[in-house]
Amino acid sequence: MTIDQITTLVAAGESETLEFKHTTGARREAAKTVCAMLNHRGGHVLFGVTPEGKVEGQQVGKRTIEDLSEELRRIEPQELPVIERIRVNGDREVLAVEVGRGPSRPYMYRGKAYRRVGNTTVAMSSHEYRRMLMEQMHGEMRWETQPAEGWSVEHLDVAQIRRVVAEAVRREHLDEPLTRDPIDLLRGLGLLQEGVLLRAAVVLFGKRERLMSRLPQCKLRVARFRGVDKMDFLDNRQFNGNAFSLLASAERFLRDSLPVAARFESDRIERIDEPLYPQPATREALANAICHRDYSIHGGSIGVAIYADRLEITSAGPLPFDLTPERLFVSHPSRPWNPLIAQTFHRCGIIEEWGTGTLKMMDWVDSAGLPPLEIEDVNDSVTVRFRHGQFVPEQYRYGRPADRKAAILSLLYHSEDGLSRREINTHLTAVVSERQLRRTLEELKGEGLVISTNQGKLTRWKLSKGARRERERGAKGARKGFKGVDRGLIPIVAIQRNIAVIQYSERIDSNSPA
């Protein structure tokens, strides 16, 4: 290096990759920094530069380089950093110690590991040390490739294994197996090695009851909140199960809980539903959470949280391999934390391509006209955040039982022959879960407002005679000026191509039916 290069380097100021030391008297502190840089992206430590960035140099005696080198040799595993001497003024020199990213991370100095945080050096926590050690040994000793002790094929969902293999063959991501024996199928998926079942197989295909007791981290937490914080729950549940069942549960929760914009086209009789957030993007985020999370965290889980202004999907464990949220928004290599789990998802079409998931999510979100996708890596967890940038009334979601009841009664009022549960759910402008609909109908029946005919799949629901008479009287009262009628949010039913469309209005014109 030349003095001009030193001056240019110093002008940028201290950073993650650059630190100043006035003299080699601070070589112990400097050795900590060199250790931290080896654990990070490499960098330079300059002796003979003041903390303010003034290049003064220092006198370099016979033992100066020897003492500095001896201190640096205390870093384990040993590396040989480059030490350069740059004359700056008379007999004064700057010593420049340069290291790259260490090939054998994590490194320790005097028995302790260090990392860089901005322009400072701090001790690495035991969790961070273990994580870096796991990254270094990831190819051979990661969690998913360890033997699943106490598990056998009988503890797995064999039908699911066969469905996955059949889909992988159909997509030409796997050769047609010679048998349908589950052991052979698992071996073909790389989930059985030398007759030993791997943990990845358990995560992908384990039966729910055994997973609950043996691997409680195979868990999904879902919640819906009334506002923009966690103060007021509307729904709060958790599910245990294998990767495929958790993905299905998460998607079902989003379908049941998110607002849906309904519209009709002139050449189609059925309603067209458009979810608030693009379904391919939320599915990709859920699949990524399952494939990239850290299953070694015993209390870890996947979280799905719906707020009034956003959707958040969170997974346990930080971004690996020095990935940052910023790097995920540009072209980047794909290095999944759980390659076997990710490969199985890819083979059956849940993940279409490697390394492009976040870029695709960005495109889907942008095409839907939503605010930019957000990714956050804090507190040993990664959160993907979707925002919609608009106000969605709570009533639009049928979040309250009273709203669901009013909507269903309005539908049945306009149907002389009654409706099945499926028809009721199809005609509603916001998706209601099967469980919510069944419970609401039973409550209405208990209140004497609806009746059911037939049984099983032939069951049809009608408005009771008493409820229909009350409804007719309410309609007459509405036309006479709404005497005794609540003028709050009132559900209106309009008939469009024989489809009932529920809307809400702050007021009703005196000529409209109640």
Protein backbone atom coordinates (compact mmCIF):
# COMPACT_ATOMS: atom_id res chain seq x y z
CA MET A 1 0.00 0.00 0.00
CA THR A 2 1.09 3.59 -0.59
CA ILE A 3 0.61 6.64 1.59
CA ASP A 4 -2.03 7.87 -0.88
CA GLN A 5 -3.97 4.62 -0.49
CA ILE A 6 -3.72 4.91 3.29
CA THR A 7 -5.01 8.50 3.14
CA THR A 8 -7.95 7.46 0.94
CA LEU A 9 -8.76 4.55 3.26
CA VAL A 10 -8.65 6.70 6.38
CA ALA A 11 -10.84 9.39 4.80
CA ALA A 12 -13.75 6.92 4.74
CA GLY A 13 -13.66 6.62 8.54
CA GLU A 14 -13.86 3.60 10.82
CA SER A 15 -16.38 0.94 9.85
CA GLU A 16 -17.06 -2.79 10.04
CA THR A 17 -13.98 -3.34 7.86
CA LEU A 18 -11.66 -0.58 9.10
CA GLU A 19 -10.28 0.36 12.53
CA PHE A 20 -7.62 2.84 13.68
CA LYS A 21 -5.09 2.30 16.47
CA HIS A 22 -2.73 5.06 17.58
CA THR A 23 0.14 2.65 18.35
CA THR A 24 0.87 -1.07 18.62
CA GLY A 25 0.56 -0.62 22.37
CA ALA A 26 -3.11 -1.39 21.71
CA ARG A 27 -2.26 -4.67 19.95
CA ARG A 28 -4.49 -6.75 22.26
CA GLU A 29 -7.54 -4.69 21.35
CA ALA A 30 -6.41 -4.82 17.73
CA ALA A 31 -6.16 -8.63 17.86
CA LYS A 32 -9.79 -8.77 19.03
CA THR A 33 -10.75 -6.66 16.04
CA VAL A 34 -8.77 -8.84 13.63
CA CYS A 35 -10.57 -11.88 15.10
CA ALA A 36 -13.94 -10.14 14.61
CA MET A 37 -13.05 -9.24 11.00
CA LEU A 38 -12.11 -12.85 10.26
CA ASN A 39 -15.56 -13.81 11.55
CA HIS A 40 -17.17 -11.17 9.33
CA ARG A 41 -16.05 -9.84 5.94
CA GLY A 42 -12.38 -9.14 6.59
CA GLY A 43 -10.85 -5.66 6.72
CA HIS A 44 -7.90 -3.51 7.82
CA VAL A 45 -6.50 -2.43 11.18
CA LEU A 46 -4.17 0.58 10.84
CA PHE A 47 -1.57 1.36 13.52
CA GLY A 48 -0.29 4.93 13.56
CA VAL A 49 -3.66 6.56 12.93
CA THR A 50 -5.48 8.47 15.70
CA PRO A 51 -9.15 7.68 16.52
CA GLU A 52 -10.01 11.00 14.83
CA GLY A 53 -8.43 9.78 11.58
CA LYS A 54 -5.14 11.72 11.65
CA VAL A 55 -2.30 9.80 9.98
CA GLU A 56 0.70 10.30 12.31
CA GLY A 57 2.53 6.98 12.05
CA GLN A 58 4.67 5.49 14.81
CA GLN A 59 8.25 4.45 15.29
CA VAL A 60 8.70 0.79 14.42
CA GLY A 61 11.46 -0.89 16.39
CA LYS A 62 13.12 -4.27 16.10
CA ARG A 63 10.50 -6.11 18.16
CA THR A 64 7.43 -4.13 17.07
CA ILE A 65 6.49 -6.53 14.25
CA GLU A 66 7.46 -9.59 16.32
CA ASP A 67 5.27 -8.55 19.27
CA LEU A 68 2.33 -7.78 16.97
CA SER A 69 2.69 -11.09 15.11
CA GLU A 70 2.94 -13.02 18.38
CA GLU A 71 -0.33 -11.45 19.58
CA LEU A 72 -2.08 -12.25 16.30
CA ARG A 73 -0.96 -15.88 16.59
CA ARG A 74 -3.23 -16.19 19.63
CA ILE A 75 -6.19 -16.18 17.22
CA GLU A 76 -7.48 -19.74 16.66
CA PRO A 77 -7.61 -21.37 14.23
CA GLN A 78 -4.43 -19.61 13.19
CA GLU A 79 -4.39 -17.35 10.16
CA LEU A 80 -1.44 -15.38 8.77
CA PRO A 81 -2.62 -11.82 8.17
CA VAL A 82 -0.67 -9.54 5.87
CA ILE A 83 1.30 -6.84 7.75
CA GLU A 84 2.60 -3.93 5.66
CA ARG A 85 4.86 -1.04 6.65
CA ILE A 86 4.10 2.33 5.00
CA ARG A 87 6.47 5.23 5.67
CA VAL A 88 4.54 8.45 6.28
CA ASN A 89 6.96 11.01 7.74
CA GLY A 90 10.68 10.69 8.44
CA ASP A 91 11.17 7.60 10.58
CA ARG A 92 7.49 7.14 11.33
CA GLU A 93 5.43 4.42 9.71
CA VAL A 94 1.89 3.12 9.53
CA LEU A 95 1.45 -0.62 10.05
CA ALA A 96 -1.48 -2.02 8.07
CA VAL A 97 -2.85 -5.42 9.08
CA GLU A 98 -5.15 -6.90 6.41
CA VAL A 99 -7.34 -10.01 6.65
CA GLY A 100 -10.07 -11.46 4.48
CA ARG A 101 -13.17 -13.34 5.48
CA GLY A 102 -11.86 -16.34 7.39
CA PRO A 103 -12.28 -19.74 5.70
CA SER A 104 -12.49 -21.60 9.04
CA ARG A 105 -14.99 -19.56 11.04
CA PRO A 106 -15.68 -19.09 13.89
CA TYR A 107 -12.35 -17.66 15.15
CA MET A 108 -11.45 -17.04 18.77
CA TYR A 109 -8.88 -14.81 20.44
CA ARG A 110 -7.66 -15.88 23.88
CA GLY A 111 -10.57 -18.32 24.11
CA LYS A 112 -13.34 -15.88 23.14
CA ALA A 113 -15.03 -15.17 19.81
CA TYR A 114 -15.68 -11.62 18.60
CA ARG A 115 -17.78 -9.93 15.94
CA ARG A 116 -18.07 -6.46 14.40
CA VAL A 117 -21.06 -4.23 15.09
CA GLY A 118 -20.62 -1.09 13.01
CA ASN A 119 -17.20 0.31 13.90
CA THR A 120 -16.95 -1.51 17.24
CA THR A 121 -15.78 -4.98 18.30
CA VAL A 122 -17.96 -6.95 20.73
CA ALA A 123 -17.85 -10.43 22.23
CA MET A 124 -19.93 -12.99 20.38
CA SER A 125 -22.74 -14.64 22.33
CA SER A 126 -22.72 -18.40 22.78
CA HIS A 127 -25.77 -18.63 20.50
CA GLU A 128 -24.03 -16.62 17.76
CA TYR A 129 -20.93 -18.80 18.11
CA ARG A 130 -22.94 -22.00 17.79
CA ARG A 131 -24.80 -20.58 14.82
CA MET A 132 -21.57 -19.70 13.01
CA LEU A 133 -20.14 -23.11 13.84
CA MET A 134 -23.28 -24.74 12.42
CA GLU A 135 -22.95 -22.67 9.23
CA GLN A 136 -19.36 -23.81 8.86
CA MET A 137 -20.37 -27.45 9.30
CA HIS A 138 -23.67 -27.04 7.48
CA GLY A 139 -22.88 -29.35 4.59
CA GLU A 140 -22.29 -32.40 6.76
CA MET A 141 -23.73 -31.89 10.25
CA ARG A 142 -26.83 -29.75 9.96
CA TRP A 143 -29.92 -30.51 12.05
CA GLU A 144 -32.08 -31.97 9.27
CA THR A 145 -29.47 -34.60 8.29
CA GLN A 146 -29.11 -36.03 11.79
CA PRO A 147 -30.71 -39.42 12.55
CA ALA A 148 -34.30 -39.21 13.79
CA GLU A 149 -33.81 -41.27 16.92
CA GLY A 150 -36.91 -43.07 18.14
CA TRP A 151 -38.69 -42.67 14.79
CA SER A 152 -39.54 -45.26 12.15
CA VAL A 153 -41.58 -45.34 8.94
CA GLU A 154 -44.71 -46.37 10.88
CA HIS A 155 -44.60 -42.95 12.57
CA LEU A 156 -44.87 -41.20 9.19
CA ASP A 157 -47.83 -40.38 6.95
CA VAL A 158 -47.22 -42.96 4.22
CA ALA A 159 -50.12 -41.71 2.09
CA GLN A 160 -48.58 -38.23 2.04
CA ILE A 161 -45.20 -39.68 1.04
CA ARG A 162 -46.81 -41.43 -1.94
CA ARG A 163 -48.73 -38.30 -2.97
CA VAL A 164 -45.54 -36.22 -2.91
CA VAL A 165 -43.61 -38.77 -4.98
CA ALA A 166 -46.46 -39.07 -7.50
CA GLU A 167 -46.55 -35.28 -7.94
CA ALA A 168 -42.75 -35.11 -8.26
CA VAL A 169 -42.87 -37.77 -10.98
CA ARG A 170 -45.70 -35.95 -12.76
CA ARG A 171 -43.61 -32.77 -12.79
CA GLU A 172 -40.58 -34.74 -14.00
CA HIS A 173 -38.64 -33.73 -10.90
CA LEU A 174 -38.16 -37.38 -9.93
CA ASP A 175 -37.79 -40.62 -11.85
CA GLU A 176 -40.64 -43.13 -11.69
CA PRO A 177 -39.89 -45.42 -8.71
CA LEU A 178 -39.90 -49.18 -9.24
CA THR A 179 -42.01 -49.79 -6.12
CA ARG A 180 -44.38 -47.90 -3.85
CA ASP A 181 -42.71 -49.18 -0.71
CA PRO A 182 -42.32 -46.14 1.63
CA ILE A 183 -38.73 -47.05 2.51
CA ASP A 184 -37.74 -47.00 -1.17
CA LEU A 185 -39.65 -43.74 -1.72
CA LEU A 186 -37.91 -42.07 1.22
CA ARG A 187 -34.55 -43.29 -0.06
CA GLY A 188 -35.35 -41.78 -3.47
CA LEU A 189 -36.14 -38.45 -1.80
CA GLY A 190 -32.80 -38.54 0.04
CA LEU A 191 -34.55 -38.78 3.42
CA LEU A 192 -33.28 -42.26 4.29
CA GLN A 193 -29.53 -42.83 4.26
CA GLU A 194 -27.91 -46.18 4.97
CA GLY A 195 -31.19 -47.39 6.43
CA VAL A 196 -31.37 -44.45 8.87
CA LEU A 197 -34.38 -42.13 8.86
CA LEU A 198 -33.36 -38.46 8.86
CA ARG A 199 -34.96 -35.64 10.84
CA ALA A 200 -35.98 -33.97 7.57
CA ALA A 201 -38.29 -36.92 6.88
CA VAL A 202 -39.96 -36.44 10.26
CA VAL A 203 -40.48 -32.71 9.68
CA LEU A 204 -41.98 -33.41 6.25
CA PHE A 205 -44.12 -36.49 6.98
CA GLY A 206 -44.33 -37.07 10.74
CA LYS A 207 -47.72 -37.85 12.27
CA ARG A 208 -49.20 -35.03 14.33
CA GLU A 209 -49.62 -36.84 17.66
CA ARG A 210 -45.99 -37.93 17.83
CA LEU A 211 -44.67 -34.59 16.62
CA MET A 212 -46.50 -32.81 19.44
CA SER A 213 -44.51 -34.74 22.06
CA ARG A 214 -41.21 -35.40 20.25
CA LEU A 215 -40.75 -32.27 18.10
CA PRO A 216 -42.93 -29.48 19.54
CA GLN A 217 -41.10 -26.95 17.34
CA CYS A 218 -43.11 -28.30 14.38
CA LYS A 219 -45.72 -25.72 15.25
CA LEU A 220 -47.74 -22.98 13.56
CA ARG A 221 -49.17 -20.05 15.52
CA VAL A 222 -51.90 -17.97 13.89
CA ALA A 223 -53.59 -14.83 15.17
CA ARG A 224 -55.85 -12.06 13.96
CA PHE A 225 -56.02 -8.67 15.65
CA ARG A 226 -58.66 -5.99 15.50
CA GLY A 227 -56.20 -3.09 15.18
CA VAL A 228 -52.57 -2.49 14.26
CA ASP A 229 -51.10 -3.93 17.49
CA LYS A 230 -51.53 -7.02 19.66
CA MET A 231 -53.90 -5.46 22.18
CA ASP A 232 -57.18 -6.95 20.92
CA PHE A 233 -57.37 -10.57 19.66
CA LEU A 234 -60.07 -11.66 17.24
CA ASP A 235 -58.59 -15.13 16.74
CA ASN A 236 -55.65 -16.95 18.31
CA ARG A 237 -54.83 -20.60 17.60
CA GLN A 238 -51.92 -22.98 17.13
CA PHE A 239 -51.42 -26.14 15.09
CA ASN A 240 -48.91 -28.97 15.36
CA GLY A 241 -48.04 -31.21 12.47
CA ASN A 242 -45.70 -31.92 9.59
CA ALA A 243 -44.61 -29.38 7.00
CA PHE A 244 -47.40 -30.15 4.53
CA SER A 245 -50.18 -30.01 7.14
CA LEU A 246 -48.84 -26.74 8.58
CA LEU A 247 -48.73 -25.18 5.12
CA ALA A 248 -52.32 -26.27 4.51
CA SER A 249 -53.45 -24.93 7.91
CA ALA A 250 -51.76 -21.59 7.33
CA GLU A 251 -53.33 -21.19 3.88
CA ARG A 252 -56.74 -22.15 5.23
CA PHE A 253 -56.40 -19.57 8.02
CA LEU A 254 -55.55 -16.86 5.49
CA ARG A 255 -58.51 -17.82 3.29
CA ASP A 256 -60.87 -17.78 6.26
CA SER A 257 -59.57 -14.57 7.82
CA LEU A 258 -58.44 -12.16 5.13
CA PRO A 259 -60.84 -9.75 3.41
CA VAL A 260 -61.78 -10.71 -0.12
CA ALA A 261 -62.76 -8.25 -2.83
CA ALA A 262 -65.66 -9.75 -4.79
CA ARG A 263 -66.62 -8.68 -8.30
CA PHE A 264 -68.76 -9.93 -11.19
CA GLU A 265 -68.07 -9.98 -14.92
CA SER A 266 -70.86 -9.74 -17.44
CA ASP A 267 -70.10 -13.09 -19.09
CA ARG A 268 -69.73 -15.07 -15.84
CA ILE A 269 -72.41 -16.00 -13.34
CA GLU A 270 -70.06 -16.98 -10.55
CA ARG A 271 -68.42 -14.48 -8.26
CA ILE A 272 -64.72 -13.63 -8.74
CA ASP A 273 -62.83 -13.34 -5.45
CA GLU A 274 -59.57 -11.45 -5.22
CA PRO A 275 -57.76 -11.76 -1.86
CA LEU A 276 -56.37 -8.68 -0.18
CA TYR A 277 -52.82 -10.03 -0.60
CA PRO A 278 -51.78 -12.05 -3.70
CA GLN A 279 -52.09 -15.75 -2.88
CA PRO A 280 -48.92 -16.84 -4.76
CA ALA A 281 -46.88 -14.35 -2.71
CA THR A 282 -48.28 -15.44 0.66
CA ARG A 283 -47.83 -19.11 -0.30
CA GLU A 284 -44.19 -18.46 -1.23
CA ALA A 285 -43.61 -16.68 2.08
CA LEU A 286 -45.14 -19.58 4.01
CA ALA A 287 -43.10 -22.16 2.07
CA ASN A 288 -39.91 -20.17 2.69
CA ALA A 289 -40.68 -19.98 6.41
CA ILE A 290 -40.99 -23.77 6.53
CA CYS A 291 -37.85 -24.45 4.46
CA HIS A 292 -35.50 -21.85 5.94
CA ARG A 293 -36.39 -21.81 9.63
CA ASP A 294 -34.07 -23.18 12.31
CA TYR A 295 -35.60 -26.40 13.64
CA SER A 296 -32.89 -26.74 16.28
CA ILE A 297 -34.61 -24.00 18.31
CA HIS A 298 -36.76 -26.17 20.57
CA GLY A 299 -39.35 -23.47 21.29
CA GLY A 300 -39.39 -22.14 17.72
CA SER A 301 -42.40 -21.98 15.42
CA ILE A 302 -43.88 -20.31 12.37
CA GLY A 303 -46.15 -17.34 13.04
CA VAL A 304 -48.93 -15.85 10.90
CA ALA A 305 -50.39 -12.60 12.22
CA ILE A 306 -53.11 -10.53 10.53
CA TYR A 307 -53.46 -6.89 11.58
CA ALA A 308 -55.81 -4.22 10.29
CA ASP A 309 -53.04 -2.78 8.11
CA ARG A 310 -50.68 -5.71 7.39
CA LEU A 311 -49.92 -9.42 7.32
CA GLU A 312 -46.76 -10.79 8.97
CA ILE A 313 -45.26 -14.26 8.45
CA THR A 314 -42.45 -15.04 10.91
CA SER A 315 -40.06 -17.99 11.23
CA ALA A 316 -37.60 -18.95 13.95
CA GLY A 317 -33.91 -18.34 13.31
CA PRO A 318 -31.97 -15.49 11.67
CA LEU A 319 -30.98 -15.23 8.02
CA PRO A 320 -28.03 -17.60 7.44
CA PHE A 321 -24.77 -17.31 5.51
CA ASP A 322 -24.39 -13.53 5.91
CA LEU A 323 -27.62 -12.90 4.03
CA THR A 324 -29.32 -9.60 4.80
CA PRO A 325 -32.85 -8.38 4.01
CA GLU A 326 -31.32 -5.98 1.47
CA ARG A 327 -29.57 -8.81 -0.40
CA LEU A 328 -32.84 -10.74 -0.66
CA PHE A 329 -34.29 -7.99 -2.86
CA VAL A 330 -31.60 -8.42 -5.54
CA SER A 331 -30.38 -11.48 -7.39
CA HIS A 332 -28.69 -13.79 -4.87
CA PRO A 333 -27.58 -17.43 -4.66
CA SER A 334 -29.99 -19.86 -3.03
CA ARG A 335 -28.58 -21.52 0.08
CA PRO A 336 -31.54 -22.88 2.05
CA TRP A 337 -30.88 -23.67 5.68
CA ASN A 338 -32.70 -27.00 5.22
CA PRO A 339 -31.86 -28.17 1.67
CA LEU A 340 -33.55 -31.58 2.00
CA ILE A 341 -36.85 -30.03 3.12
CA ALA A 342 -36.58 -27.34 0.45
CA GLN A 343 -35.75 -29.90 -2.25
CA THR A 344 -38.84 -31.97 -1.39
CA PHE A 345 -41.03 -28.86 -1.60
CA HIS A 346 -39.43 -28.04 -4.95
CA ARG A 347 -39.97 -31.53 -6.33
CA CYS A 348 -43.73 -31.46 -5.69
CA GLY A 349 -44.14 -27.92 -7.01
CA ILE A 350 -44.61 -25.90 -3.81
CA ILE A 351 -41.38 -24.06 -4.56
CA GLU A 352 -41.08 -23.56 -8.32
CA GLU A 353 -37.52 -22.23 -8.64
CA TRP A 354 -34.48 -21.90 -6.43
CA GLY A 355 -33.20 -18.51 -5.33
CA THR A 356 -35.97 -16.38 -6.88
CA GLY A 357 -38.70 -16.59 -4.22
CA THR A 358 -38.30 -13.10 -2.78
CA LEU A 359 -37.92 -11.56 -6.24
CA LYS A 360 -41.16 -13.21 -7.34
CA MET A 361 -42.93 -12.06 -4.20
CA MET A 362 -41.85 -8.50 -4.98
CA ASP A 363 -43.30 -8.77 -8.49
CA TRP A 364 -46.61 -10.24 -7.27
CA VAL A 365 -46.99 -7.55 -4.62
CA ASP A 366 -46.15 -4.81 -7.11
CA SER A 367 -48.59 -6.20 -9.70
CA ALA A 368 -51.34 -6.17 -7.05
CA GLY A 369 -50.73 -2.46 -6.48
CA LEU A 370 -49.64 -2.97 -2.86
CA PRO A 371 -46.86 -1.17 -0.95
CA PRO A 372 -43.38 -2.76 -1.26
CA LEU A 373 -42.71 -6.07 0.46
CA GLU A 374 -40.75 -5.81 3.74
CA ILE A 375 -38.34 -8.34 5.25
CA GLU A 376 -36.96 -7.95 8.77
CA ASP A 377 -34.27 -9.97 10.57
CA VAL A 378 -34.38 -9.21 14.30
CA ASN A 379 -34.40 -11.14 17.59
CA ASP A 380 -33.33 -14.41 15.96
CA SER A 381 -36.35 -14.50 13.67
CA VAL A 382 -37.20 -13.44 10.13
CA THR A 383 -40.45 -11.63 9.33
CA VAL A 384 -41.96 -11.12 5.87
CA ARG A 385 -44.45 -8.26 5.96
CA PHE A 386 -47.23 -7.47 3.48
CA ARG A 387 -49.05 -4.13 3.69
CA HIS A 388 -52.21 -3.17 1.85
CA GLY A 389 -52.14 0.60 2.30
CA GLN A 390 -55.90 0.96 2.59
CA PHE A 391 -58.60 0.90 5.23
CA VAL A 392 -60.60 -2.31 5.44
CA PRO A 393 -63.72 -2.03 7.62
CA GLU A 394 -64.00 -4.72 10.25
CA GLN A 395 -67.56 -5.48 9.17
CA TYR A 396 -66.31 -6.35 5.70
CA ARG A 397 -64.60 -9.39 7.16
CA TYR A 398 -67.65 -10.63 9.12
CA GLY A 399 -65.29 -10.58 12.08
CA ARG A 400 -68.15 -10.28 14.58
CA PRO A 401 -70.80 -13.02 14.96
CA ALA A 402 -73.59 -10.44 14.69
CA ASP A 403 -72.33 -9.38 11.26
CA ARG A 404 -72.23 -12.97 10.02
CA LYS A 405 -75.74 -13.60 11.31
CA ALA A 406 -77.13 -10.49 9.61
CA ALA A 407 -75.50 -11.45 6.32
CA ILE A 408 -76.79 -15.03 6.42
CA LEU A 409 -80.33 -13.98 7.37
CA SER A 410 -80.34 -11.54 4.45
CA LEU A 411 -79.36 -14.32 2.04
CA LEU A 412 -81.99 -16.74 3.32
CA TYR A 413 -84.68 -14.04 3.16
CA HIS A 414 -84.28 -13.96 -0.63
CA SER A 415 -84.26 -17.74 -1.06
CA GLU A 416 -87.63 -19.52 -0.88
CA ASP A 417 -86.09 -22.98 -1.40
CA GLY A 418 -83.28 -22.50 1.09
CA LEU A 419 -79.52 -22.79 0.62
CA SER A 420 -76.87 -25.36 1.46
CA ARG A 421 -73.87 -24.38 3.56
CA ARG A 422 -71.69 -24.33 0.45
CA GLU A 423 -74.14 -22.04 -1.37
CA ILE A 424 -74.29 -19.68 1.61
CA ASN A 425 -70.50 -19.46 1.77
CA THR A 426 -70.28 -18.97 -2.01
CA HIS A 427 -72.76 -16.10 -1.96
CA LEU A 428 -71.12 -14.20 0.89
CA THR A 429 -68.76 -11.46 -0.28
CA ALA A 430 -66.18 -12.29 2.39
CA VAL A 431 -64.90 -15.79 3.09
CA VAL A 432 -66.17 -17.38 6.30
CA SER A 433 -64.57 -20.55 7.61
CA GLU A 434 -66.56 -23.81 7.59
CA ARG A 435 -66.37 -23.91 11.37
CA GLN A 436 -67.62 -20.32 11.74
CA LEU A 437 -70.47 -20.91 9.31
CA ARG A 438 -71.58 -24.16 10.97
CA ARG A 439 -71.50 -22.55 14.42
CA THR A 440 -73.38 -19.44 13.26
CA LEU A 441 -76.12 -21.52 11.59
CA GLU A 442 -76.56 -23.63 14.73
CA GLU A 443 -76.82 -20.46 16.84
CA LEU A 444 -79.45 -19.03 14.48
CA LYS A 445 -81.36 -22.30 14.64
CA GLY A 446 -81.23 -22.23 18.43
CA GLU A 447 -82.66 -18.69 18.35
CA GLY A 448 -85.54 -19.88 16.19
CA LEU A 449 -84.52 -17.74 13.22
CA VAL A 450 -83.62 -20.52 10.75
CA ILE A 451 -84.63 -24.13 10.16
CA SER A 452 -82.86 -27.00 8.41
CA THR A 453 -84.32 -29.65 6.14
CA ASN A 454 -82.91 -33.05 5.17
CA GLN A 455 -79.62 -34.35 6.56
CA GLY A 456 -75.96 -34.64 5.64
CA LYS A 457 -74.96 -33.20 2.28
CA LEU A 458 -78.62 -32.65 1.38
CA THR A 459 -79.21 -30.28 4.30
CA ARG A 460 -80.70 -26.94 3.28
CA TRP A 461 -81.21 -23.90 5.47
CA LYS A 462 -84.27 -21.63 5.37
CA LEU A 463 -85.55 -18.65 7.23
CA SER A 464 -88.15 -19.70 9.84
CA LYS A 465 -91.72 -18.51 9.34
CA GLY A 466 -91.49 -16.28 12.39
CA ALA A 467 -88.25 -14.69 11.22
CA ARG A 468 -89.69 -14.14 7.74
CA ARG A 469 -92.77 -12.40 9.22
CA GLU A 470 -90.51 -10.18 11.34
CA ARG A 471 -88.41 -9.43 8.29
CA GLU A 472 -91.48 -8.45 6.27
CA ARG A 473 -92.69 -6.16 9.05
CA GLY A 474 -89.18 -4.63 9.20
CA ALA A 475 -89.30 -3.98 5.45
CA LYS A 476 -92.66 -2.23 5.75
CA GLY A 477 -91.32 -0.19 8.67
CA ALA A 478 -88.31 0.80 6.61
CA ARG A 479 -90.48 2.04 3.75
CA LYS A 480 -92.51 4.11 6.24
CA GLY A 481 -89.45 5.91 7.53
CA PHE A 482 -87.44 3.35 9.53
CA LYS A 483 -89.46 3.69 12.73
CA GLY A 484 -87.80 1.51 15.30
CA VAL A 485 -85.07 0.41 12.87
CA ASP A 486 -81.40 0.73 13.84
CA ARG A 487 -79.78 3.21 11.45
CA GLY A 488 -76.23 1.93 12.08
CA LEU A 489 -74.37 -0.38 9.72
CA ILE A 490 -77.22 -2.25 8.01
CA PRO A 491 -76.61 -5.18 5.66
CA ILE A 492 -78.23 -4.68 2.26
CA VAL A 493 -78.92 -7.53 -0.17
CA ALA A 494 -78.94 -6.82 -3.88
CA ILE A 495 -79.81 -9.55 -6.41
CA GLN A 496 -77.35 -9.59 -9.28
CA ARG A 497 -77.72 -12.42 -11.81
CA ASN A 498 -79.38 -14.52 -9.09
CA ILE A 499 -76.42 -14.02 -6.77
CA ALA A 500 -76.91 -12.26 -3.44
CA VAL A 501 -74.26 -9.63 -2.77
CA ILE A 502 -73.85 -8.37 0.80
CA GLN A 503 -72.79 -4.77 1.21
CA TYR A 504 -72.82 -2.34 4.12
CA SER A 505 -74.20 1.16 4.19
CA GLU A 506 -74.14 3.94 6.78
CA ARG A 507 -77.66 4.95 5.70
CA ILE A 508 -80.50 3.49 3.63
CA ASP A 509 -82.62 5.37 1.16
CA SER A 510 -86.26 5.45 2.27
CA ASN A 511 -87.28 3.60 -0.91
CA SER A 512 -84.88 0.68 -0.32
CA PRO A 513 -85.95 -2.63 1.26
CA ALA A 514 -84.55 -3.25 4.74
